[in-house]
PDB file of N, CA and C in Angstrom:
ATOM      1  N   UNK A   1       0.826  -1.183   0.000  1.00  0.00           N
ATOM      2  CA  UNK A   1       0.000   0.000   0.000  1.00  0.00           C
ATOM      3  C   UNK A   1       0.877   1.255   0.000  1.00  0.00           C
ATOM      4  N   UNK A   2       1.839   1.272   0.853  1.00  0.00           N
ATOM      5  CA  UNK A   2       2.756   2.416   0.952  1.00  0.00           C
ATOM      6  C   UNK A   2       3.584   2.559  -0.321  1.00  0.00           C
ATOM      7  N   UNK A   3       4.054   1.445  -0.831  1.00  0.00           N
ATOM      8  CA  UNK A   3       4.862   1.480  -2.054  1.00  0.00           C
ATOM      9  C   UNK A   3       4.039   1.930  -3.255  1.00  0.00           C
ATOM     10  N   UNK A   4       2.772   1.582  -3.277  1.00  0.00           N
ATOM     11  CA  UNK A   4       1.905   2.000  -4.367  1.00  0.00           C
ATOM     12  C   UNK A   4       1.726   3.501  -4.410  1.00  0.00           C
ATOM     13  N   UNK A   5       1.518   4.112  -3.260  1.00  0.00           N
ATOM     14  CA  UNK A   5       1.360   5.570  -3.190  1.00  0.00           C
ATOM     15  C   UNK A   5       2.678   6.250  -3.558  1.00  0.00           C
ATOM     16  N   UNK A   6       3.779   5.756  -3.037  1.00  0.00           N
ATOM     17  CA  UNK A   6       5.086   6.349  -3.333  1.00  0.00           C
ATOM     18  C   UNK A   6       5.423   6.229  -4.817  1.00  0.00           C
ATOM     19  N   UNK A   7       5.136   5.077  -5.408  1.00  0.00           N
ATOM     20  CA  UNK A   7       5.412   4.878  -6.830  1.00  0.00           C
ATOM     21  C   UNK A   7       4.543   5.777  -7.691  1.00  0.00           C
ATOM     22  N   UNK A   8       3.275   5.894  -7.351  1.00  0.00           N
ATOM     23  CA  UNK A   8       2.375   6.759  -8.121  1.00  0.00           C
ATOM     24  C   UNK A   8       2.821   8.216  -8.056  1.00  0.00           C
ATOM     25  N   UNK A   9       3.229   8.658  -6.887  1.00  0.00           N
ATOM     26  CA  UNK A   9       3.701  10.036  -6.742  1.00  0.00           C
ATOM     27  C   UNK A   9       4.993  10.267  -7.518  1.00  0.00           C
ATOM     28  N   UNK A  10       5.882   9.304  -7.493  1.00  0.00           N
ATOM     29  CA  UNK A  10       7.140   9.443  -8.233  1.00  0.00           C
ATOM     30  C   UNK A  10       6.896   9.457  -9.734  1.00  0.00           C
ATOM     31  N   UNK A  11       5.995   8.597 -10.197  1.00  0.00           N
ATOM     32  CA  UNK A  11       5.666   8.579 -11.619  1.00  0.00           C
ATOM     33  C   UNK A  11       5.056   9.904 -12.037  1.00  0.00           C
ATOM     34  N   UNK A  12       4.241  10.481 -11.199  1.00  0.00           N
ATOM     35  CA  UNK A  12       3.646  11.785 -11.471  1.00  0.00           C
ATOM     36  C   UNK A  12       4.724  12.842 -11.672  1.00  0.00           C
ATOM     37  N   UNK A  13       5.725  12.840 -10.813  1.00  0.00           N
ATOM     38  CA  UNK A  13       6.814  13.815 -10.913  1.00  0.00           C
ATOM     39  C   UNK A  13       7.644  13.593 -12.179  1.00  0.00           C
ATOM     40  N   UNK A  14       8.028  12.362 -12.426  1.00  0.00           N
ATOM     41  CA  UNK A  14       8.901  12.062 -13.562  1.00  0.00           C
ATOM     42  C   UNK A  14       8.183  12.317 -14.892  1.00  0.00           C
ATOM     43  N   UNK A  15       6.928  11.935 -14.977  1.00  0.00           N
ATOM     44  CA  UNK A  15       6.214  12.148 -16.239  1.00  0.00           C
ATOM     45  C   UNK A  15       6.041  13.637 -16.526  1.00  0.00           C
ATOM     46  N   UNK A  16       5.804  14.445 -15.501  1.00  0.00           N
ATOM     47  CA  UNK A  16       5.699  15.883 -15.717  1.00  0.00           C
ATOM     48  C   UNK A  16       7.042  16.459 -16.172  1.00  0.00           C
ATOM     49  N   UNK A  17       8.116  16.033 -15.543  1.00  0.00           N
ATOM     50  CA  UNK A  17       9.444  16.515 -15.930  1.00  0.00           C
ATOM     51  C   UNK A  17       9.796  16.082 -17.350  1.00  0.00           C
ATOM     52  N   UNK A  18       9.438  14.860 -17.722  1.00  0.00           N
ATOM     53  CA  UNK A  18       9.708  14.392 -19.095  1.00  0.00           C
ATOM     54  C   UNK A  18       8.910  15.195 -20.116  1.00  0.00           C
ATOM     55  N   UNK A  19       7.679  15.528 -19.778  1.00  0.00           N
ATOM     56  CA  UNK A  19       6.876  16.363 -20.671  1.00  0.00           C
ATOM     57  C   UNK A  19       7.516  17.728 -20.869  1.00  0.00           C
ATOM     58  N   UNK A  20       8.057  18.282 -19.806  1.00  0.00           N
ATOM     59  CA  UNK A  20       8.734  19.582 -19.902  1.00  0.00           C
ATOM     60  C   UNK A  20      10.004  19.465 -20.728  1.00  0.00           C
ATOM     61  N   UNK A  21      10.727  18.358 -20.583  1.00  0.00           N
ATOM     62  CA  UNK A  21      11.942  18.162 -21.373  1.00  0.00           C
ATOM     63  C   UNK A  21      11.613  18.008 -22.852  1.00  0.00           C
ATOM     64  N   UNK A  22      10.471  17.415 -23.159  1.00  0.00           N
ATOM     65  CA  UNK A  22      10.066  17.257 -24.556  1.00  0.00           C
ATOM     66  C   UNK A  22       9.811  18.599 -25.235  1.00  0.00           C
ATOM     67  N   UNK A  23       9.528  19.627 -24.444  1.00  0.00           N
ATOM     68  CA  UNK A  23       9.327  20.965 -25.010  1.00  0.00           C
ATOM     69  C   UNK A  23      10.637  21.731 -25.134  1.00  0.00           C
ATOM     70  N   UNK A  24      11.762  21.103 -24.748  1.00  0.00           N
ATOM     71  CA  UNK A  24      13.065  21.741 -24.909  1.00  0.00           C
ATOM     72  C   UNK A  24      13.659  22.337 -23.650  1.00  0.00           C
ATOM     73  N   UNK A  25      13.043  22.101 -22.503  1.00  0.00           N
ATOM     74  CA  UNK A  25      13.544  22.626 -21.231  1.00  0.00           C
ATOM     75  C   UNK A  25      14.679  21.730 -20.744  1.00  0.00           C
ATOM     76  N   UNK A  26      15.774  22.304 -20.236  1.00  0.00           N
ATOM     77  CA  UNK A  26      16.866  21.477 -19.701  1.00  0.00           C
ATOM     78  C   UNK A  26      16.406  20.608 -18.521  1.00  0.00           C
ATOM     79  N   UNK A  27      17.148  19.542 -18.247  1.00  0.00           N
ATOM     80  CA  UNK A  27      16.762  18.563 -17.232  1.00  0.00           C
ATOM     81  C   UNK A  27      16.612  19.186 -15.846  1.00  0.00           C
ATOM     82  N   UNK A  28      17.540  20.041 -15.447  1.00  0.00           N
ATOM     83  CA  UNK A  28      17.461  20.652 -14.112  1.00  0.00           C
ATOM     84  C   UNK A  28      16.215  21.505 -13.982  1.00  0.00           C
ATOM     85  N   UNK A  29      15.962  22.329 -14.974  1.00  0.00           N
ATOM     86  CA  UNK A  29      14.787  23.198 -14.920  1.00  0.00           C
ATOM     87  C   UNK A  29      13.500  22.369 -14.954  1.00  0.00           C
ATOM     88  N   UNK A  30      13.471  21.306 -15.747  1.00  0.00           N
ATOM     89  CA  UNK A  30      12.295  20.436 -15.810  1.00  0.00           C
ATOM     90  C   UNK A  30      12.033  19.769 -14.461  1.00  0.00           C
ATOM     91  N   UNK A  31      13.092  19.319 -13.794  1.00  0.00           N
ATOM     92  CA  UNK A  31      12.932  18.685 -12.487  1.00  0.00           C
ATOM     93  C   UNK A  31      12.453  19.690 -11.447  1.00  0.00           C
ATOM     94  N   UNK A  32      12.978  20.901 -11.483  1.00  0.00           N
ATOM     95  CA  UNK A  32      12.535  21.926 -10.541  1.00  0.00           C
ATOM     96  C   UNK A  32      11.076  22.303 -10.769  1.00  0.00           C
ATOM     97  N   UNK A  33      10.692  22.441 -12.031  1.00  0.00           N
ATOM     98  CA  UNK A  33       9.293  22.747 -12.347  1.00  0.00           C
ATOM     99  C   UNK A  33       8.374  21.618 -11.904  1.00  0.00           C
ATOM    100  N   UNK A  34       8.801  20.390 -12.118  1.00  0.00           N
ATOM    101  CA  UNK A  34       7.989  19.240 -11.695  1.00  0.00           C
ATOM    102  C   UNK A  34       7.820  19.232 -10.179  1.00  0.00           C
ATOM    103  N   UNK A  35       8.910  19.492  -9.466  1.00  0.00           N
ATOM    104  CA  UNK A  35       8.824  19.524  -8.013  1.00  0.00           C
ATOM    105  C   UNK A  35       7.916  20.624  -7.506  1.00  0.00           C
ATOM    106  N   UNK A  36       8.001  21.783  -8.126  1.00  0.00           N
ATOM    107  CA  UNK A  36       7.184  22.915  -7.695  1.00  0.00           C
ATOM    108  C   UNK A  36       5.719  22.710  -8.071  1.00  0.00           C
ATOM    109  N   UNK A  37       5.463  22.275  -9.298  1.00  0.00           N
ATOM    110  CA  UNK A  37       4.098  22.153  -9.789  1.00  0.00           C
ATOM    111  C   UNK A  37       3.365  20.969  -9.173  1.00  0.00           C
ATOM    112  N   UNK A  38       4.049  19.875  -8.977  1.00  0.00           N
ATOM    113  CA  UNK A  38       3.407  18.659  -8.480  1.00  0.00           C
ATOM    114  C   UNK A  38       3.543  18.454  -6.975  1.00  0.00           C
ATOM    115  N   UNK A  39       4.070  19.444  -6.266  1.00  0.00           N
ATOM    116  CA  UNK A  39       4.218  19.304  -4.818  1.00  0.00           C
ATOM    117  C   UNK A  39       2.854  19.162  -4.138  1.00  0.00           C
ATOM    118  N   UNK A  40       1.903  19.985  -4.525  1.00  0.00           N
ATOM    119  CA  UNK A  40       0.593  19.956  -3.892  1.00  0.00           C
ATOM    120  C   UNK A  40      -0.118  18.608  -4.089  1.00  0.00           C
ATOM    121  N   UNK A  41      -0.214  18.073  -5.327  1.00  0.00           N
ATOM    122  CA  UNK A  41      -0.865  16.762  -5.462  1.00  0.00           C
ATOM    123  C   UNK A  41      -0.153  15.644  -4.702  1.00  0.00           C
ATOM    124  N   UNK A  42       1.172  15.687  -4.673  1.00  0.00           N
ATOM    125  CA  UNK A  42       1.931  14.663  -3.942  1.00  0.00           C
ATOM    126  C   UNK A  42       1.632  14.753  -2.446  1.00  0.00           C
ATOM    127  N   UNK A  43       1.663  15.973  -1.913  1.00  0.00           N
ATOM    128  CA  UNK A  43       1.382  16.156  -0.481  1.00  0.00           C
ATOM    129  C   UNK A  43      -0.054  15.785  -0.137  1.00  0.00           C
ATOM    130  N   UNK A  44      -0.985  16.138  -0.998  1.00  0.00           N
ATOM    131  CA  UNK A  44      -2.387  15.805  -0.735  1.00  0.00           C
ATOM    132  C   UNK A  44      -2.608  14.292  -0.713  1.00  0.00           C
ATOM    133  N   UNK A  45      -2.012  13.590  -1.647  1.00  0.00           N
ATOM    134  CA  UNK A  45      -2.154  12.135  -1.693  1.00  0.00           C
ATOM    135  C   UNK A  45      -1.540  11.490  -0.458  1.00  0.00           C
ATOM    136  N   UNK A  46      -0.336  11.924  -0.118  1.00  0.00           N
ATOM    137  CA  UNK A  46       0.355  11.337   1.038  1.00  0.00           C
ATOM    138  C   UNK A  46      -0.363  11.672   2.342  1.00  0.00           C
ATOM    139  N   UNK A  47      -0.784  12.915   2.499  1.00  0.00           N
ATOM    140  CA  UNK A  47      -1.470  13.292   3.736  1.00  0.00           C
ATOM    141  C   UNK A  47      -2.805  12.578   3.892  1.00  0.00           C
ATOM    142  N   UNK A  48      -3.530  12.392   2.790  1.00  0.00           N
ATOM    143  CA  UNK A  48      -4.795  11.657   2.879  1.00  0.00           C
ATOM    144  C   UNK A  48      -4.549  10.241   3.383  1.00  0.00           C
ATOM    145  N   UNK A  49      -3.515   9.617   2.880  1.00  0.00           N
ATOM    146  CA  UNK A  49      -3.192   8.252   3.301  1.00  0.00           C
ATOM    147  C   UNK A  49      -2.726   8.233   4.763  1.00  0.00           C
ATOM    148  N   UNK A  50      -1.882   9.190   5.130  1.00  0.00           N
ATOM    149  CA  UNK A  50      -1.372   9.246   6.504  1.00  0.00           C
ATOM    150  C   UNK A  50      -2.511   9.486   7.483  1.00  0.00           C
ATOM    151  N   UNK A  51      -3.379  10.445   7.176  1.00  0.00           N
ATOM    152  CA  UNK A  51      -4.511  10.740   8.069  1.00  0.00           C
ATOM    153  C   UNK A  51      -5.429   9.532   8.188  1.00  0.00           C
ATOM    154  N   UNK A  52      -5.619   8.810   7.088  1.00  0.00           N
ATOM    155  CA  UNK A  52      -6.442   7.605   7.133  1.00  0.00           C
ATOM    156  C   UNK A  52      -5.832   6.496   7.973  1.00  0.00           C
ATOM    157  N   UNK A  53      -4.510   6.484   8.106  1.00  0.00           N
ATOM    158  CA  UNK A  53      -3.834   5.434   8.868  1.00  0.00           C
ATOM    159  C   UNK A  53      -3.655   5.776  10.349  1.00  0.00           C
ATOM    160  N   UNK A  54      -3.900   7.020  10.728  1.00  0.00           N
ATOM    161  CA  UNK A  54      -3.678   7.431  12.123  1.00  0.00           C
ATOM    162  C   UNK A  54      -4.504   6.602  13.105  1.00  0.00           C
ATOM    163  N   UNK A  55      -5.808   6.365  12.878  1.00  0.00           N
ATOM    164  CA  UNK A  55      -6.540   5.532  13.847  1.00  0.00           C
ATOM    165  C   UNK A  55      -5.937   4.138  14.008  1.00  0.00           C
ATOM    166  N   UNK A  56      -5.485   3.565  12.912  1.00  0.00           N
ATOM    167  CA  UNK A  56      -4.855   2.242  12.995  1.00  0.00           C
ATOM    168  C   UNK A  56      -3.540   2.332  13.760  1.00  0.00           C
ATOM    169  N   UNK A  57      -2.767   3.381  13.503  1.00  0.00           N
ATOM    170  CA  UNK A  57      -1.473   3.536  14.174  1.00  0.00           C
ATOM    171  C   UNK A  57      -1.636   3.774  15.673  1.00  0.00           C
ATOM    172  N   UNK A  58      -2.742   4.395  16.069  1.00  0.00           N
ATOM    173  CA  UNK A  58      -2.981   4.652  17.494  1.00  0.00           C
ATOM    174  C   UNK A  58      -3.592   3.449  18.209  1.00  0.00           C
ATOM    175  N   UNK A  59      -4.051   2.467  17.454  1.00  0.00           N
ATOM    176  CA  UNK A  59      -4.559   1.236  18.058  1.00  0.00           C
ATOM    177  C   UNK A  59      -5.975   1.354  18.572  1.00  0.00           C
ATOM    178  N   UNK A  60      -6.802   2.181  17.951  1.00  0.00           N
ATOM    179  CA  UNK A  60      -8.193   2.304  18.379  1.00  0.00           C
ATOM    180  C   UNK A  60      -8.990   1.086  17.944  1.00  0.00           C
ATOM    181  N   UNK A  61     -10.038   0.787  18.676  1.00  0.00           N
ATOM    182  CA  UNK A  61     -10.951  -0.278  18.289  1.00  0.00           C
ATOM    183  C   UNK A  61     -10.586  -1.622  18.889  1.00  0.00           C
ATOM    184  N   UNK A  62     -11.450  -2.569  18.596  1.00  0.00           N
ATOM    185  CA  UNK A  62     -11.281  -3.937  19.096  1.00  0.00           C
ATOM    186  C   UNK A  62     -10.051  -4.585  18.474  1.00  0.00           C
ATOM    187  N   UNK A  63      -9.114  -5.021  19.276  1.00  0.00           N
ATOM    188  CA  UNK A  63      -7.900  -5.669  18.787  1.00  0.00           C
ATOM    189  C   UNK A  63      -6.958  -4.712  18.075  1.00  0.00           C
ATOM    190  N   UNK A  64      -7.113  -3.423  18.326  1.00  0.00           N
ATOM    191  CA  UNK A  64      -6.298  -2.416  17.655  1.00  0.00           C
ATOM    192  C   UNK A  64      -4.831  -2.480  18.005  1.00  0.00           C
ATOM    193  N   UNK A  65      -4.526  -2.980  19.193  1.00  0.00           N
ATOM    194  CA  UNK A  65      -3.127  -3.045  19.600  1.00  0.00           C
ATOM    195  C   UNK A  65      -2.315  -4.012  18.741  1.00  0.00           C
ATOM    196  N   UNK A  66      -2.995  -4.952  18.095  1.00  0.00           N
ATOM    197  CA  UNK A  66      -2.292  -5.880  17.198  1.00  0.00           C
ATOM    198  C   UNK A  66      -1.918  -5.210  15.878  1.00  0.00           C
ATOM    199  N   UNK A  67      -2.756  -4.320  15.399  1.00  0.00           N
ATOM    200  CA  UNK A  67      -2.526  -3.682  14.107  1.00  0.00           C
ATOM    201  C   UNK A  67      -1.766  -2.358  14.208  1.00  0.00           C
ATOM    202  N   UNK A  68      -1.595  -1.845  15.409  1.00  0.00           N
ATOM    203  CA  UNK A  68      -0.941  -0.546  15.592  1.00  0.00           C
ATOM    204  C   UNK A  68       0.484  -0.516  15.018  1.00  0.00           C
ATOM    205  N   UNK A  69       1.311  -1.536  15.222  1.00  0.00           N
ATOM    206  CA  UNK A  69       2.660  -1.484  14.635  1.00  0.00           C
ATOM    207  C   UNK A  69       2.646  -1.395  13.109  1.00  0.00           C
ATOM    208  N   UNK A  70       1.704  -2.082  12.474  1.00  0.00           N
ATOM    209  CA  UNK A  70       1.584  -2.006  11.026  1.00  0.00           C
ATOM    210  C   UNK A  70       1.199  -0.590  10.604  1.00  0.00           C
ATOM    211  N   UNK A  71       0.258   0.020  11.306  1.00  0.00           N
ATOM    212  CA  UNK A  71      -0.145   1.389  11.005  1.00  0.00           C
ATOM    213  C   UNK A  71       1.005   2.363  11.158  1.00  0.00           C
ATOM    214  N   UNK A  72       1.784   2.195  12.216  1.00  0.00           N
ATOM    215  CA  UNK A  72       2.941   3.084  12.427  1.00  0.00           C
ATOM    216  C   UNK A  72       3.985   2.898  11.331  1.00  0.00           C
ATOM    217  N   UNK A  73       4.186   1.671  10.909  1.00  0.00           N
ATOM    218  CA  UNK A  73       5.150   1.410   9.843  1.00  0.00           C
ATOM    219  C   UNK A  73       4.703   2.046   8.531  1.00  0.00           C
ATOM    220  N   UNK A  74       3.421   1.965   8.238  1.00  0.00           N
ATOM    221  CA  UNK A  74       2.905   2.561   7.006  1.00  0.00           C
ATOM    222  C   UNK A  74       3.022   4.080   7.054  1.00  0.00           C
ATOM    223  N   UNK A  75       2.679   4.684   8.189  1.00  0.00           N
ATOM    224  CA  UNK A  75       2.792   6.142   8.328  1.00  0.00           C
ATOM    225  C   UNK A  75       4.245   6.575   8.180  1.00  0.00           C
ATOM    226  N   UNK A  76       5.158   5.875   8.832  1.00  0.00           N
ATOM    227  CA  UNK A  76       6.579   6.205   8.702  1.00  0.00           C
ATOM    228  C   UNK A  76       7.082   6.024   7.285  1.00  0.00           C
ATOM    229  N   UNK A  77       6.663   4.954   6.645  1.00  0.00           N
ATOM    230  CA  UNK A  77       7.055   4.718   5.258  1.00  0.00           C
ATOM    231  C   UNK A  77       6.521   5.796   4.327  1.00  0.00           C
ATOM    232  N   UNK A  78       5.297   6.217   4.550  1.00  0.00           N
ATOM    233  CA  UNK A  78       4.723   7.275   3.725  1.00  0.00           C
ATOM    234  C   UNK A  78       5.442   8.604   3.926  1.00  0.00           C
ATOM    235  N   UNK A  79       5.794   8.907   5.153  1.00  0.00           N
ATOM    236  CA  UNK A  79       6.540  10.141   5.403  1.00  0.00           C
ATOM    237  C   UNK A  79       7.886  10.121   4.681  1.00  0.00           C
ATOM    238  N   UNK A  80       8.593   9.019   4.806  1.00  0.00           N
ATOM    239  CA  UNK A  80       9.881   8.895   4.126  1.00  0.00           C
ATOM    240  C   UNK A  80       9.714   8.930   2.614  1.00  0.00           C
ATOM    241  N   UNK A  81       8.715   8.211   2.094  1.00  0.00           N
ATOM    242  CA  UNK A  81       8.486   8.162   0.652  1.00  0.00           C
ATOM    243  C   UNK A  81       8.105   9.527   0.096  1.00  0.00           C
ATOM    244  N   UNK A  82       7.360  10.308   0.861  1.00  0.00           N
ATOM    245  CA  UNK A  82       6.975  11.646   0.404  1.00  0.00           C
ATOM    246  C   UNK A  82       8.184  12.556   0.321  1.00  0.00           C
ATOM    247  N   UNK A  83       9.041  12.518   1.316  1.00  0.00           N
ATOM    248  CA  UNK A  83      10.264  13.324   1.284  1.00  0.00           C
ATOM    249  C   UNK A  83      11.152  12.872   0.122  1.00  0.00           C
ATOM    250  N   UNK A  84      11.253  11.568  -0.072  1.00  0.00           N
ATOM    251  CA  UNK A  84      12.066  11.058  -1.182  1.00  0.00           C
ATOM    252  C   UNK A  84      11.485  11.474  -2.521  1.00  0.00           C
ATOM    253  N   UNK A  85      10.168  11.445  -2.646  1.00  0.00           N
ATOM    254  CA  UNK A  85       9.531  11.850  -3.898  1.00  0.00           C
ATOM    255  C   UNK A  85       9.783  13.319  -4.195  1.00  0.00           C
ATOM    256  N   UNK A  86       9.746  14.155  -3.182  1.00  0.00           N
ATOM    257  CA  UNK A  86       9.889  15.592  -3.396  1.00  0.00           C
ATOM    258  C   UNK A  86      11.333  16.032  -3.580  1.00  0.00           C
ATOM    259  N   UNK A  87      12.299  15.291  -3.046  1.00  0.00           N
ATOM    260  CA  UNK A  87      13.693  15.725  -3.118  1.00  0.00           C
ATOM    261  C   UNK A  87      14.602  14.753  -3.869  1.00  0.00           C
ATOM    262  N   UNK A  88      14.498  13.480  -3.566  1.00  0.00           N
ATOM    263  CA  UNK A  88      15.404  12.489  -4.138  1.00  0.00           C
ATOM    264  C   UNK A  88      15.089  12.209  -5.610  1.00  0.00           C
ATOM    265  N   UNK A  89      13.828  12.020  -5.942  1.00  0.00           N
ATOM    266  CA  UNK A  89      13.438  11.696  -7.322  1.00  0.00           C
ATOM    267  C   UNK A  89      13.841  12.802  -8.296  1.00  0.00           C
ATOM    268  N   UNK A  90      13.549  14.083  -8.014  1.00  0.00           N
ATOM    269  CA  UNK A  90      14.006  15.123  -8.942  1.00  0.00           C
ATOM    270  C   UNK A  90      15.532  15.203  -9.052  1.00  0.00           C
ATOM    271  N   UNK A  91      16.233  14.939  -7.964  1.00  0.00           N
ATOM    272  CA  UNK A  91      17.700  14.972  -8.009  1.00  0.00           C
ATOM    273  C   UNK A  91      18.250  13.874  -8.917  1.00  0.00           C
ATOM    274  N   UNK A  92      17.747  12.673  -8.761  1.00  0.00           N
ATOM    275  CA  UNK A  92      18.202  11.562  -9.599  1.00  0.00           C
ATOM    276  C   UNK A  92      17.797  11.800 -11.051  1.00  0.00           C
ATOM    277  N   UNK A  93      16.602  12.326 -11.271  1.00  0.00           N
ATOM    278  CA  UNK A  93      16.149  12.653 -12.618  1.00  0.00           C
ATOM    279  C   UNK A  93      17.109  13.639 -13.276  1.00  0.00           C
ATOM    280  N   UNK A  94      17.508  14.670 -12.542  1.00  0.00           N
ATOM    281  CA  UNK A  94      18.423  15.677 -13.077  1.00  0.00           C
ATOM    282  C   UNK A  94      19.776  15.065 -13.406  1.00  0.00           C
ATOM    283  N   UNK A  95      20.286  14.216 -12.533  1.00  0.00           N
ATOM    284  CA  UNK A  95      21.593  13.593 -12.776  1.00  0.00           C
ATOM    285  C   UNK A  95      21.552  12.719 -14.024  1.00  0.00           C
ATOM    286  N   UNK A  96      20.556  11.865 -14.105  1.00  0.00           N
ATOM    287  CA  UNK A  96      20.480  10.928 -15.240  1.00  0.00           C
ATOM    288  C   UNK A  96      20.224  11.668 -16.546  1.00  0.00           C
ATOM    289  N   UNK A  97      19.216  12.500 -16.573  1.00  0.00           N
ATOM    290  CA  UNK A  97      18.851  13.164 -17.822  1.00  0.00           C
ATOM    291  C   UNK A  97      19.792  14.317 -18.171  1.00  0.00           C
ATOM    292  N   UNK A  98      20.401  14.919 -17.176  1.00  0.00           N
ATOM    293  CA  UNK A  98      21.401  15.955 -17.449  1.00  0.00           C
ATOM    294  C   UNK A  98      22.611  15.381 -18.156  1.00  0.00           C
ATOM    295  N   UNK A  99      23.062  14.215 -17.700  1.00  0.00           N
ATOM    296  CA  UNK A  99      24.195  13.548 -18.368  1.00  0.00           C
ATOM    297  C   UNK A  99      23.821  13.136 -19.780  1.00  0.00           C
ATOM    298  N   UNK A 100      22.605  12.627 -19.938  1.00  0.00           N
ATOM    299  CA  UNK A 100      22.142  12.205 -21.262  1.00  0.00           C
ATOM    300  C   UNK A 100      22.085  13.399 -22.215  1.00  0.00           C
ATOM    301  N   UNK A 101      21.570  14.529 -21.733  1.00  0.00           N
ATOM    302  CA  UNK A 101      21.508  15.726 -22.572  1.00  0.00           C
ATOM    303  C   UNK A 101      22.907  16.216 -22.935  1.00  0.00           C
ATOM    304  N   UNK A 102      23.818  16.197 -21.972  1.00  0.00           N
ATOM    305  CA  UNK A 102      25.195  16.648 -22.242  1.00  0.00           C
ATOM    306  C   UNK A 102      25.856  15.736 -23.266  1.00  0.00           C
ATOM    307  N   UNK A 103      25.626  14.432 -23.151  1.00  0.00           N
ATOM    308  CA  UNK A 103      26.205  13.472 -24.097  1.00  0.00           C
ATOM    309  C   UNK A 103      25.635  13.690 -25.507  1.00  0.00           C
ATOM    310  N   UNK A 104      24.330  13.922 -25.599  1.00  0.00           N
ATOM    311  CA  UNK A 104      23.710  14.159 -26.906  1.00  0.00           C
ATOM    312  C   UNK A 104      24.219  15.459 -27.533  1.00  0.00           C
ATOM    313  N   UNK A 105      24.404  16.493 -26.722  1.00  0.00           N
ATOM    314  CA  UNK A 105      24.927  17.751 -27.232  1.00  0.00           C
ATOM    315  C   UNK A 105      26.376  17.608 -27.695  1.00  0.00           C
ATOM    316  N   UNK A 106      27.160  16.824 -26.972  1.00  0.00           N
ATOM    317  CA  UNK A 106      28.556  16.593 -27.358  1.00  0.00           C
ATOM    318  C   UNK A 106      28.628  15.790 -28.662  1.00  0.00           C
ATOM    319  N   UNK A 107      27.724  14.857 -28.845  1.00  0.00           N
ATOM    320  CA  UNK A 107      27.710  14.048 -30.073  1.00  0.00           C
ATOM    321  C   UNK A 107      27.291  14.880 -31.277  1.00  0.00           C
ATOM    322  N   UNK A 108      26.462  15.881 -31.068  1.00  0.00           N
ATOM    323  CA  UNK A 108      25.994  16.723 -32.156  1.00  0.00           C
ATOM    324  C   UNK A 108      27.069  17.692 -32.645  1.00  0.00           C
ATOM    325  N   UNK A 109      28.022  17.979 -31.792  1.00  0.00           N
ATOM    326  CA  UNK A 109      29.097  18.929 -32.157  1.00  0.00           C
ATOM    327  C   UNK A 109      30.142  18.248 -32.911  1.00  0.00           C
TER     328      UNK A 109
END
């Protein structure tokens, strides 16, 4: 569940950055635009999931103490995945696609 949300958010960021690169924007600028433009949808998706998991993480309800560790793990994973989506994914995108763009420009010369 946590990996699905993190993957969907990362795909959202990368696809937006790739669309910007297709219009001729350099990789760094495309990654920055993707991070800025898609920050709100990523945060909304992650926060909705985190807020939905809080009752489970707190152990409310019948037999809640058994499921509380799972809820806490999912909340922690979502927090980490959201930070990684907002900072790590654009950084790796810039490194990979920046090198590719530099190589293509060098080959054209």
